Amino acid sequence: MCDPHGGVKVANQVGSIPLDWALGAFILQTTADADIQNRNWIATIFSDESPTLLSIIGFLLVLLTAWSISRNCLLRHSLHWLQITVRQEVEQVSLGIARRN
């Protein structure tokens, strides 16, 4: 509460109700209202009017595509590395055989 002289007053009651009780009642009422509004959230997602299901499906498709591309790139990189490693090993073995002869 503001003091007309520019200071701040401390409140410990709302009317005749202690502030902690008033705050608790406010929180309970707010959460009860939110609970009533969100009771059928699953039905809301699957309703024809809700774009949420389409958004979830779109997000999952983008995620699956990104995973597939990254997996493919990783496999190509691994295969390329394996080819280089095998080629180097074959060259070393060939040089070793050529040096013995």
PDB file of N, CA and C in Angstrom:
ATOM      1  N   MET A   1       0.845  -1.171   0.000  1.00  0.00           N
ATOM      2  CA  MET A   1       0.000   0.000   0.000  1.00  0.00           C
ATOM      3  C   MET A   1       0.888   1.231   0.000  1.00  0.00           C
ATOM      4  N   CYS A   2       0.474   2.235  -0.708  1.00  0.00           N
ATOM      5  CA  CYS A   2       1.266   3.458  -0.796  1.00  0.00           C
ATOM      6  C   CYS A   2       0.833   4.454   0.273  1.00  0.00           C
ATOM      7  N   ASP A   3       1.802   5.074   0.836  1.00  0.00           N
ATOM      8  CA  ASP A   3       1.570   6.129   1.832  1.00  0.00           C
ATOM      9  C   ASP A   3       1.463   7.455   1.090  1.00  0.00           C
ATOM     10  N   PRO A   4       0.499   8.323   1.436  1.00  0.00           N
ATOM     11  CA  PRO A   4       0.406   9.612   0.738  1.00  0.00           C
ATOM     12  C   PRO A   4       1.663  10.455   0.883  1.00  0.00           C
ATOM     13  N   HIS A   5       2.487  10.176   1.840  1.00  0.00           N
ATOM     14  CA  HIS A   5       3.714  10.943   2.048  1.00  0.00           C
ATOM     15  C   HIS A   5       4.896  10.370   1.263  1.00  0.00           C
ATOM     16  N   GLY A   6       4.629   9.376   0.390  1.00  0.00           N
ATOM     17  CA  GLY A   6       5.676   8.825  -0.455  1.00  0.00           C
ATOM     18  C   GLY A   6       6.298   7.553   0.077  1.00  0.00           C
ATOM     19  N   GLY A   7       5.938   7.098   1.236  1.00  0.00           N
ATOM     20  CA  GLY A   7       6.496   5.873   1.800  1.00  0.00           C
ATOM     21  C   GLY A   7       5.668   4.657   1.409  1.00  0.00           C
ATOM     22  N   VAL A   8       6.089   3.508   1.847  1.00  0.00           N
ATOM     23  CA  VAL A   8       5.385   2.261   1.576  1.00  0.00           C
ATOM     24  C   VAL A   8       4.940   1.678   2.905  1.00  0.00           C
ATOM     25  N   LYS A   9       3.652   1.315   2.948  1.00  0.00           N
ATOM     26  CA  LYS A   9       3.134   0.667   4.143  1.00  0.00           C
ATOM     27  C   LYS A   9       3.120  -0.838   3.921  1.00  0.00           C
ATOM     28  N   VAL A  10       3.218  -1.582   4.978  1.00  0.00           N
ATOM     29  CA  VAL A  10       3.191  -3.032   4.916  1.00  0.00           C
ATOM     30  C   VAL A  10       1.791  -3.501   5.274  1.00  0.00           C
ATOM     31  N   ALA A  11       1.266  -4.416   4.472  1.00  0.00           N
ATOM     32  CA  ALA A  11      -0.060  -4.969   4.750  1.00  0.00           C
ATOM     33  C   ALA A  11       0.101  -6.394   5.235  1.00  0.00           C
ATOM     34  N   ASN A  12      -0.609  -6.720   6.289  1.00  0.00           N
ATOM     35  CA  ASN A  12      -0.613  -8.096   6.769  1.00  0.00           C
ATOM     36  C   ASN A  12      -2.023  -8.656   6.824  1.00  0.00           C
ATOM     37  N   GLN A  13      -2.983  -7.893   6.276  1.00  0.00           N
ATOM     38  CA  GLN A  13      -4.367  -8.342   6.230  1.00  0.00           C
ATOM     39  C   GLN A  13      -5.015  -7.835   4.946  1.00  0.00           C
ATOM     40  N   VAL A  14      -6.011  -8.591   4.492  1.00  0.00           N
ATOM     41  CA  VAL A  14      -6.887  -8.153   3.412  1.00  0.00           C
ATOM     42  C   VAL A  14      -8.262  -8.044   4.035  1.00  0.00           C
ATOM     43  N   GLY A  15      -8.677  -6.839   4.326  1.00  0.00           N
ATOM     44  CA  GLY A  15      -9.891  -6.650   5.115  1.00  0.00           C
ATOM     45  C   GLY A  15      -9.618  -7.162   6.507  1.00  0.00           C
ATOM     46  N   SER A  16     -10.425  -8.120   6.947  1.00  0.00           N
ATOM     47  CA  SER A  16     -10.212  -8.710   8.270  1.00  0.00           C
ATOM     48  C   SER A  16      -9.543 -10.080   8.195  1.00  0.00           C
ATOM     49  N   ILE A  17      -9.132 -10.488   6.987  1.00  0.00           N
ATOM     50  CA  ILE A  17      -8.543 -11.814   6.782  1.00  0.00           C
ATOM     51  C   ILE A  17      -7.020 -11.678   6.743  1.00  0.00           C
ATOM     52  N   PRO A  18      -6.292 -12.531   7.483  1.00  0.00           N
ATOM     53  CA  PRO A  18      -4.827 -12.491   7.423  1.00  0.00           C
ATOM     54  C   PRO A  18      -4.344 -12.716   5.990  1.00  0.00           C
ATOM     55  N   LEU A  19      -3.244 -12.072   5.650  1.00  0.00           N
ATOM     56  CA  LEU A  19      -2.743 -12.087   4.278  1.00  0.00           C
ATOM     57  C   LEU A  19      -2.402 -13.494   3.791  1.00  0.00           C
ATOM     58  N   ASP A  20      -1.832 -14.341   4.631  1.00  0.00           N
ATOM     59  CA  ASP A  20      -1.478 -15.686   4.184  1.00  0.00           C
ATOM     60  C   ASP A  20      -2.720 -16.503   3.838  1.00  0.00           C
ATOM     61  N   TRP A  21      -3.816 -16.314   4.581  1.00  0.00           N
ATOM     62  CA  TRP A  21      -5.062 -17.007   4.274  1.00  0.00           C
ATOM     63  C   TRP A  21      -5.661 -16.478   2.974  1.00  0.00           C
ATOM     64  N   ALA A  22      -5.608 -15.167   2.780  1.00  0.00           N
ATOM     65  CA  ALA A  22      -6.149 -14.584   1.555  1.00  0.00           C
ATOM     66  C   ALA A  22      -5.349 -15.047   0.337  1.00  0.00           C
ATOM     67  N   LEU A  23      -4.021 -15.101   0.466  1.00  0.00           N
ATOM     68  CA  LEU A  23      -3.173 -15.561  -0.630  1.00  0.00           C
ATOM     69  C   LEU A  23      -3.431 -17.038  -0.927  1.00  0.00           C
ATOM     70  N   GLY A  24      -3.556 -17.848   0.117  1.00  0.00           N
ATOM     71  CA  GLY A  24      -3.854 -19.265  -0.070  1.00  0.00           C
ATOM     72  C   GLY A  24      -5.190 -19.473  -0.767  1.00  0.00           C
ATOM     73  N   ALA A  25      -6.207 -18.705  -0.374  1.00  0.00           N
ATOM     74  CA  ALA A  25      -7.520 -18.815  -1.006  1.00  0.00           C
ATOM     75  C   ALA A  25      -7.450 -18.407  -2.474  1.00  0.00           C
ATOM     76  N   PHE A  26      -6.682 -17.365  -2.763  1.00  0.00           N
ATOM     77  CA  PHE A  26      -6.516 -16.925  -4.145  1.00  0.00           C
ATOM     78  C   PHE A  26      -5.848 -18.008  -4.986  1.00  0.00           C
ATOM     79  N   ILE A  27      -4.802 -18.626  -4.455  1.00  0.00           N
ATOM     80  CA  ILE A  27      -4.092 -19.686  -5.194  1.00  0.00           C
ATOM     81  C   ILE A  27      -5.007 -20.879  -5.425  1.00  0.00           C
ATOM     82  N   LEU A  28      -5.751 -21.286  -4.397  1.00  0.00           N
ATOM     83  CA  LEU A  28      -6.673 -22.412  -4.554  1.00  0.00           C
ATOM     84  C   LEU A  28      -7.745 -22.121  -5.593  1.00  0.00           C
ATOM     85  N   GLN A  29      -8.305 -20.925  -5.570  1.00  0.00           N
ATOM     86  CA  GLN A  29      -9.344 -20.562  -6.528  1.00  0.00           C
ATOM     87  C   GLN A  29      -8.785 -20.522  -7.944  1.00  0.00           C
ATOM     88  N   THR A  30      -7.576 -19.978  -8.104  1.00  0.00           N
ATOM     89  CA  THR A  30      -6.959 -19.895  -9.427  1.00  0.00           C
ATOM     90  C   THR A  30      -6.662 -21.280  -9.982  1.00  0.00           C
ATOM     91  N   THR A  31      -6.118 -22.170  -9.165  1.00  0.00           N
ATOM     92  CA  THR A  31      -5.816 -23.522  -9.651  1.00  0.00           C
ATOM     93  C   THR A  31      -7.077 -24.317  -9.903  1.00  0.00           C
ATOM     94  N   ALA A  32      -8.124 -24.087  -9.129  1.00  0.00           N
ATOM     95  CA  ALA A  32      -9.397 -24.776  -9.361  1.00  0.00           C
ATOM     96  C   ALA A  32      -9.992 -24.341 -10.696  1.00  0.00           C
ATOM     97  N   ASP A  33      -9.917 -23.041 -11.006  1.00  0.00           N
ATOM     98  CA  ASP A  33     -10.416 -22.552 -12.292  1.00  0.00           C
ATOM     99  C   ASP A  33      -9.615 -23.134 -13.447  1.00  0.00           C
ATOM    100  N   ALA A  34      -8.296 -23.212 -13.283  1.00  0.00           N
ATOM    101  CA  ALA A  34      -7.446 -23.774 -14.333  1.00  0.00           C
ATOM    102  C   ALA A  34      -7.731 -25.254 -14.523  1.00  0.00           C
ATOM    103  N   ASP A  35      -8.014 -25.970 -13.430  1.00  0.00           N
ATOM    104  CA  ASP A  35      -8.309 -27.398 -13.510  1.00  0.00           C
ATOM    105  C   ASP A  35      -9.602 -27.637 -14.276  1.00  0.00           C
ATOM    106  N   ILE A  36     -10.595 -26.809 -14.057  1.00  0.00           N
ATOM    107  CA  ILE A  36     -11.865 -26.957 -14.766  1.00  0.00           C
ATOM    108  C   ILE A  36     -11.673 -26.691 -16.254  1.00  0.00           C
ATOM    109  N   GLN A  37     -10.876 -25.699 -16.602  1.00  0.00           N
ATOM    110  CA  GLN A  37     -10.649 -25.356 -18.005  1.00  0.00           C
ATOM    111  C   GLN A  37      -9.843 -26.432 -18.720  1.00  0.00           C
ATOM    112  N   ASN A  38      -8.944 -27.114 -18.029  1.00  0.00           N
ATOM    113  CA  ASN A  38      -8.050 -28.078 -18.671  1.00  0.00           C
ATOM    114  C   ASN A  38      -8.421 -29.525 -18.390  1.00  0.00           C
ATOM    115  N   ARG A  39      -9.637 -29.771 -17.962  1.00  0.00           N
ATOM    116  CA  ARG A  39     -10.026 -31.123 -17.587  1.00  0.00           C
ATOM    117  C   ARG A  39      -9.998 -32.075 -18.776  1.00  0.00           C
ATOM    118  N   ASN A  40     -10.451 -31.644 -19.924  1.00  0.00           N
ATOM    119  CA  ASN A  40     -10.524 -32.513 -21.103  1.00  0.00           C
ATOM    120  C   ASN A  40      -9.469 -32.113 -22.131  1.00  0.00           C
ATOM    121  N   TRP A  41      -8.230 -31.988 -21.706  1.00  0.00           N
ATOM    122  CA  TRP A  41      -7.185 -31.544 -22.624  1.00  0.00           C
ATOM    123  C   TRP A  41      -6.882 -32.588 -23.688  1.00  0.00           C
ATOM    124  N   ILE A  42      -7.038 -33.870 -23.365  1.00  0.00           N
ATOM    125  CA  ILE A  42      -6.788 -34.914 -24.375  1.00  0.00           C
ATOM    126  C   ILE A  42      -7.870 -34.849 -25.454  1.00  0.00           C
ATOM    127  N   ALA A  43      -9.121 -34.682 -25.028  1.00  0.00           N
ATOM    128  CA  ALA A  43     -10.205 -34.560 -25.998  1.00  0.00           C
ATOM    129  C   ALA A  43     -10.027 -33.304 -26.843  1.00  0.00           C
ATOM    130  N   THR A  44      -9.506 -32.249 -26.256  1.00  0.00           N
ATOM    131  CA  THR A  44      -9.280 -31.006 -26.997  1.00  0.00           C
ATOM    132  C   THR A  44      -8.219 -31.204 -28.070  1.00  0.00           C
ATOM    133  N   ILE A  45      -7.171 -31.961 -27.767  1.00  0.00           N
ATOM    134  CA  ILE A  45      -6.112 -32.208 -28.748  1.00  0.00           C
ATOM    135  C   ILE A  45      -6.648 -32.984 -29.945  1.00  0.00           C
ATOM    136  N   PHE A  46      -7.512 -33.964 -29.692  1.00  0.00           N
ATOM    137  CA  PHE A  46      -8.003 -34.819 -30.763  1.00  0.00           C
ATOM    138  C   PHE A  46      -9.287 -34.316 -31.412  1.00  0.00           C
ATOM    139  N   SER A  47      -9.776 -33.152 -31.009  1.00  0.00           N
ATOM    140  CA  SER A  47     -10.991 -32.622 -31.620  1.00  0.00           C
ATOM    141  C   SER A  47     -10.684 -32.066 -33.001  1.00  0.00           C
ATOM    142  N   ASP A  48     -11.714 -31.947 -33.808  1.00  0.00           N
ATOM    143  CA  ASP A  48     -11.544 -31.448 -35.174  1.00  0.00           C
ATOM    144  C   ASP A  48     -11.165 -29.973 -35.212  1.00  0.00           C
ATOM    145  N   GLU A  49     -11.516 -29.239 -34.182  1.00  0.00           N
ATOM    146  CA  GLU A  49     -11.288 -27.802 -34.173  1.00  0.00           C
ATOM    147  C   GLU A  49      -9.875 -27.424 -33.715  1.00  0.00           C
ATOM    148  N   SER A  50      -9.148 -28.361 -33.160  1.00  0.00           N
ATOM    149  CA  SER A  50      -7.848 -28.054 -32.576  1.00  0.00           C
ATOM    150  C   SER A  50      -6.714 -28.305 -33.561  1.00  0.00           C
ATOM    151  N   PRO A  51      -5.863 -27.312 -33.795  1.00  0.00           N
ATOM    152  CA  PRO A  51      -4.691 -27.532 -34.652  1.00  0.00           C
ATOM    153  C   PRO A  51      -3.533 -28.182 -33.908  1.00  0.00           C
ATOM    154  N   THR A  52      -3.725 -28.494 -32.628  1.00  0.00           N
ATOM    155  CA  THR A  52      -2.630 -29.030 -31.815  1.00  0.00           C
ATOM    156  C   THR A  52      -2.158 -30.384 -32.332  1.00  0.00           C
ATOM    157  N   LEU A  53      -3.095 -31.259 -32.673  1.00  0.00           N
ATOM    158  CA  LEU A  53      -2.709 -32.592 -33.151  1.00  0.00           C
ATOM    159  C   LEU A  53      -1.914 -32.481 -34.442  1.00  0.00           C
ATOM    160  N   LEU A  54      -2.348 -31.614 -35.335  1.00  0.00           N
ATOM    161  CA  LEU A  54      -1.623 -31.411 -36.583  1.00  0.00           C
ATOM    162  C   LEU A  54      -0.231 -30.854 -36.310  1.00  0.00           C
ATOM    163  N   SER A  55      -0.117 -29.966 -35.343  1.00  0.00           N
ATOM    164  CA  SER A  55       1.191 -29.410 -34.975  1.00  0.00           C
ATOM    165  C   SER A  55       2.106 -30.492 -34.416  1.00  0.00           C
ATOM    166  N   ILE A  56       1.564 -31.360 -33.574  1.00  0.00           N
ATOM    167  CA  ILE A  56       2.365 -32.449 -32.997  1.00  0.00           C
ATOM    168  C   ILE A  56       2.845 -33.395 -34.087  1.00  0.00           C
ATOM    169  N   ILE A  57       1.944 -33.746 -35.006  1.00  0.00           N
ATOM    170  CA  ILE A  57       2.318 -34.645 -36.100  1.00  0.00           C
ATOM    171  C   ILE A  57       3.375 -33.989 -36.984  1.00  0.00           C
ATOM    172  N   GLY A  58       3.201 -32.697 -37.291  1.00  0.00           N
ATOM    173  CA  GLY A  58       4.190 -31.981 -38.097  1.00  0.00           C
ATOM    174  C   GLY A  58       5.545 -31.928 -37.413  1.00  0.00           C
ATOM    175  N   PHE A  59       5.551 -31.645 -36.115  1.00  0.00           N
ATOM    176  CA  PHE A  59       6.799 -31.604 -35.361  1.00  0.00           C
ATOM    177  C   PHE A  59       7.490 -32.965 -35.382  1.00  0.00           C
ATOM    178  N   LEU A  60       6.718 -34.033 -35.190  1.00  0.00           N
ATOM    179  CA  LEU A  60       7.305 -35.371 -35.204  1.00  0.00           C
ATOM    180  C   LEU A  60       7.865 -35.727 -36.581  1.00  0.00           C
ATOM    181  N   LEU A  61       7.178 -35.301 -37.652  1.00  0.00           N
ATOM    182  CA  LEU A  61       7.698 -35.557 -39.002  1.00  0.00           C
ATOM    183  C   LEU A  61       9.006 -34.810 -39.243  1.00  0.00           C
ATOM    184  N   VAL A  62       9.072 -33.559 -38.811  1.00  0.00           N
ATOM    185  CA  VAL A  62      10.314 -32.793 -38.958  1.00  0.00           C
ATOM    186  C   VAL A  62      11.428 -33.442 -38.146  1.00  0.00           C
ATOM    187  N   LEU A  63      11.114 -33.859 -36.920  1.00  0.00           N
ATOM    188  CA  LEU A  63      12.103 -34.511 -36.067  1.00  0.00           C
ATOM    189  C   LEU A  63      12.592 -35.818 -36.684  1.00  0.00           C
ATOM    190  N   LEU A  64      11.674 -36.618 -37.210  1.00  0.00           N
ATOM    191  CA  LEU A  64      12.041 -37.882 -37.841  1.00  0.00           C
ATOM    192  C   LEU A  64      12.899 -37.644 -39.085  1.00  0.00           C
ATOM    193  N   THR A  65      12.551 -36.638 -39.869  1.00  0.00           N
ATOM    194  CA  THR A  65      13.333 -36.312 -41.068  1.00  0.00           C
ATOM    195  C   THR A  65      14.743 -35.871 -40.695  1.00  0.00           C
ATOM    196  N   ALA A  66      14.847 -35.002 -39.707  1.00  0.00           N
ATOM    197  CA  ALA A  66      16.170 -34.536 -39.267  1.00  0.00           C
ATOM    198  C   ALA A  66      17.005 -35.696 -38.736  1.00  0.00           C
ATOM    199  N   TRP A  67      16.382 -36.599 -37.983  1.00  0.00           N
ATOM    200  CA  TRP A  67      17.108 -37.756 -37.452  1.00  0.00           C
ATOM    201  C   TRP A  67      17.588 -38.649 -38.590  1.00  0.00           C
ATOM    202  N   SER A  68      16.712 -38.862 -39.569  1.00  0.00           N
ATOM    203  CA  SER A  68      17.070 -39.721 -40.687  1.00  0.00           C
ATOM    204  C   SER A  68      18.227 -39.137 -41.496  1.00  0.00           C
ATOM    205  N   ILE A  69      18.176 -37.832 -41.744  1.00  0.00           N
ATOM    206  CA  ILE A  69      19.249 -37.183 -42.493  1.00  0.00           C
ATOM    207  C   ILE A  69      20.566 -37.244 -41.729  1.00  0.00           C
ATOM    208  N   SER A  70      20.505 -36.951 -40.420  1.00  0.00           N
ATOM    209  CA  SER A  70      21.740 -36.973 -39.634  1.00  0.00           C
ATOM    210  C   SER A  70      22.303 -38.387 -39.540  1.00  0.00           C
ATOM    211  N   ARG A  71      21.424 -39.366 -39.419  1.00  0.00           N
ATOM    212  CA  ARG A  71      21.871 -40.759 -39.356  1.00  0.00           C
ATOM    213  C   ARG A  71      22.524 -41.155 -40.666  1.00  0.00           C
ATOM    214  N   ASN A  72      21.904 -40.755 -41.787  1.00  0.00           N
ATOM    215  CA  ASN A  72      22.452 -41.075 -43.094  1.00  0.00           C
ATOM    216  C   ASN A  72      23.815 -40.425 -43.279  1.00  0.00           C
ATOM    217  N   CYS A  73      23.937 -39.166 -42.882  1.00  0.00           N
ATOM    218  CA  CYS A  73      25.227 -38.472 -42.991  1.00  0.00           C
ATOM    219  C   CYS A  73      26.281 -39.133 -42.110  1.00  0.00           C
ATOM    220  N   LEU A  74      25.879 -39.532 -40.909  1.00  0.00           N
ATOM    221  CA  LEU A  74      26.818 -40.188 -40.006  1.00  0.00           C
ATOM    222  C   LEU A  74      27.271 -41.523 -40.584  1.00  0.00           C
ATOM    223  N   LEU A  75      26.347 -42.278 -41.166  1.00  0.00           N
ATOM    224  CA  LEU A  75      26.720 -43.560 -41.762  1.00  0.00           C
ATOM    225  C   LEU A  75      27.658 -43.360 -42.951  1.00  0.00           C
ATOM    226  N   ARG A  76      27.367 -42.345 -43.778  1.00  0.00           N
ATOM    227  CA  ARG A  76      28.259 -42.077 -44.912  1.00  0.00           C
ATOM    228  C   ARG A  76      29.642 -41.681 -44.430  1.00  0.00           C
ATOM    229  N   HIS A  77      29.700 -40.833 -43.412  1.00  0.00           N
ATOM    230  CA  HIS A  77      30.995 -40.410 -42.879  1.00  0.00           C
ATOM    231  C   HIS A  77      31.748 -41.611 -42.308  1.00  0.00           C
ATOM    232  N   SER A  78      31.051 -42.468 -41.579  1.00  0.00           N
ATOM    233  CA  SER A  78      31.694 -43.656 -40.995  1.00  0.00           C
ATOM    234  C   SER A  78      32.184 -44.595 -42.084  1.00  0.00           C
ATOM    235  N   LEU A  79      31.374 -44.774 -43.113  1.00  0.00           N
ATOM    236  CA  LEU A  79      31.771 -45.652 -44.209  1.00  0.00           C
ATOM    237  C   LEU A  79      32.985 -45.081 -44.940  1.00  0.00           C
ATOM    238  N   HIS A  80      32.986 -43.777 -45.162  1.00  0.00           N
ATOM    239  CA  HIS A  80      34.124 -43.131 -45.816  1.00  0.00           C
ATOM    240  C   HIS A  80      35.391 -43.296 -44.973  1.00  0.00           C
ATOM    241  N   TRP A  81      35.266 -43.089 -43.671  1.00  0.00           N
ATOM    242  CA  TRP A  81      36.414 -43.254 -42.771  1.00  0.00           C
ATOM    243  C   TRP A  81      36.914 -44.696 -42.805  1.00  0.00           C
ATOM    244  N   LEU A  82      35.981 -45.655 -42.818  1.00  0.00           N
ATOM    245  CA  LEU A  82      36.362 -47.066 -42.865  1.00  0.00           C
ATOM    246  C   LEU A  82      37.082 -47.388 -44.164  1.00  0.00           C
ATOM    247  N   GLN A  83      36.600 -46.842 -45.285  1.00  0.00           N
ATOM    248  CA  GLN A  83      37.255 -47.073 -46.566  1.00  0.00           C
ATOM    249  C   GLN A  83      38.680 -46.518 -46.566  1.00  0.00           C
ATOM    250  N   ILE A  84      38.844 -45.330 -46.014  1.00  0.00           N
ATOM    251  CA  ILE A  84      40.182 -44.728 -45.952  1.00  0.00           C
ATOM    252  C   ILE A  84      41.097 -45.579 -45.082  1.00  0.00           C
ATOM    253  N   THR A  85      40.583 -46.025 -43.934  1.00  0.00           N
ATOM    254  CA  THR A  85      41.384 -46.834 -43.018  1.00  0.00           C
ATOM    255  C   THR A  85      41.793 -48.153 -43.672  1.00  0.00           C
ATOM    256  N   VAL A  86      40.855 -48.814 -44.339  1.00  0.00           N
ATOM    257  CA  VAL A  86      41.167 -50.088 -45.006  1.00  0.00           C
ATOM    258  C   VAL A  86      42.169 -49.849 -46.124  1.00  0.00           C
ATOM    259  N   ARG A  87      41.987 -48.772 -46.883  1.00  0.00           N
ATOM    260  CA  ARG A  87      42.917 -48.463 -47.968  1.00  0.00           C
ATOM    261  C   ARG A  87      44.325 -48.238 -47.425  1.00  0.00           C
ATOM    262  N   GLN A  88      44.439 -47.536 -46.298  1.00  0.00           N
ATOM    263  CA  GLN A  88      45.753 -47.296 -45.701  1.00  0.00           C
ATOM    264  C   GLN A  88      46.372 -48.606 -45.209  1.00  0.00           C
ATOM    265  N   GLU A  89      45.551 -49.449 -44.615  1.00  0.00           N
ATOM    266  CA  GLU A  89      46.061 -50.745 -44.145  1.00  0.00           C
ATOM    267  C   GLU A  89      46.546 -51.598 -45.310  1.00  0.00           C
ATOM    268  N   VAL A  90      45.791 -51.609 -46.403  1.00  0.00           N
ATOM    269  CA  VAL A  90      46.183 -52.394 -47.577  1.00  0.00           C
ATOM    270  C   VAL A  90      47.490 -51.850 -48.144  1.00  0.00           C
ATOM    271  N   GLU A  91      47.638 -50.531 -48.215  1.00  0.00           N
ATOM    272  CA  GLU A  91      48.874 -49.934 -48.715  1.00  0.00           C
ATOM    273  C   GLU A  91      50.059 -50.294 -47.823  1.00  0.00           C
ATOM    274  N   GLN A  92      49.864 -50.280 -46.513  1.00  0.00           N
ATOM    275  CA  GLN A  92      50.952 -50.625 -45.600  1.00  0.00           C
ATOM    276  C   GLN A  92      51.349 -52.085 -45.753  1.00  0.00           C
ATOM    277  N   VAL A  93      50.351 -52.961 -45.901  1.00  0.00           N
ATOM    278  CA  VAL A  93      50.656 -54.382 -46.097  1.00  0.00           C
ATOM    279  C   VAL A  93      51.368 -54.580 -47.424  1.00  0.00           C
ATOM    280  N   SER A  94      50.906 -53.888 -48.462  1.00  0.00           N
ATOM    281  CA  SER A  94      51.543 -54.009 -49.786  1.00  0.00           C
ATOM    282  C   SER A  94      52.979 -53.521 -49.733  1.00  0.00           C
ATOM    283  N   LEU A  95      53.241 -52.421 -49.025  1.00  0.00           N
ATOM    284  CA  LEU A  95      54.607 -51.913 -48.916  1.00  0.00           C
ATOM    285  C   LEU A  95      55.471 -52.892 -48.123  1.00  0.00           C
ATOM    286  N   GLY A  96      54.891 -53.515 -47.100  1.00  0.00           N
ATOM    287  CA  GLY A  96      55.647 -54.495 -46.317  1.00  0.00           C
ATOM    288  C   GLY A  96      56.018 -55.711 -47.140  1.00  0.00           C
ATOM    289  N   ILE A  97      55.106 -56.170 -47.987  1.00  0.00           N
ATOM    290  CA  ILE A  97      55.393 -57.326 -48.850  1.00  0.00           C
ATOM    291  C   ILE A  97      56.422 -56.945 -49.896  1.00  0.00           C
ATOM    292  N   ALA A  98      56.303 -55.737 -50.438  1.00  0.00           N
ATOM    293  CA  ALA A  98      57.247 -55.287 -51.479  1.00  0.00           C
ATOM    294  C   ALA A  98      58.648 -55.124 -50.883  1.00  0.00           C
ATOM    295  N   ARG A  99      58.762 -54.709 -49.648  1.00  0.00           N
ATOM    296  CA  ARG A  99      60.077 -54.529 -49.030  1.00  0.00           C
ATOM    297  C   ARG A  99      60.749 -55.879 -48.751  1.00  0.00           C
ATOM    298  N   ARG A 100      59.933 -56.893 -48.449  1.00  0.00           N
ATOM    299  CA  ARG A 100      60.516 -58.229 -48.177  1.00  0.00           C
ATOM    300  C   ARG A 100      61.080 -58.851 -49.446  1.00  0.00           C
ATOM    301  N   ASN A 101      60.451 -58.550 -50.554  1.00  0.00           N
ATOM    302  CA  ASN A 101      60.908 -59.176 -51.814  1.00  0.00           C
ATOM    303  C   ASN A 101      62.039 -58.414 -52.336  1.00  0.00           C
TER     304      ASN A 101
END
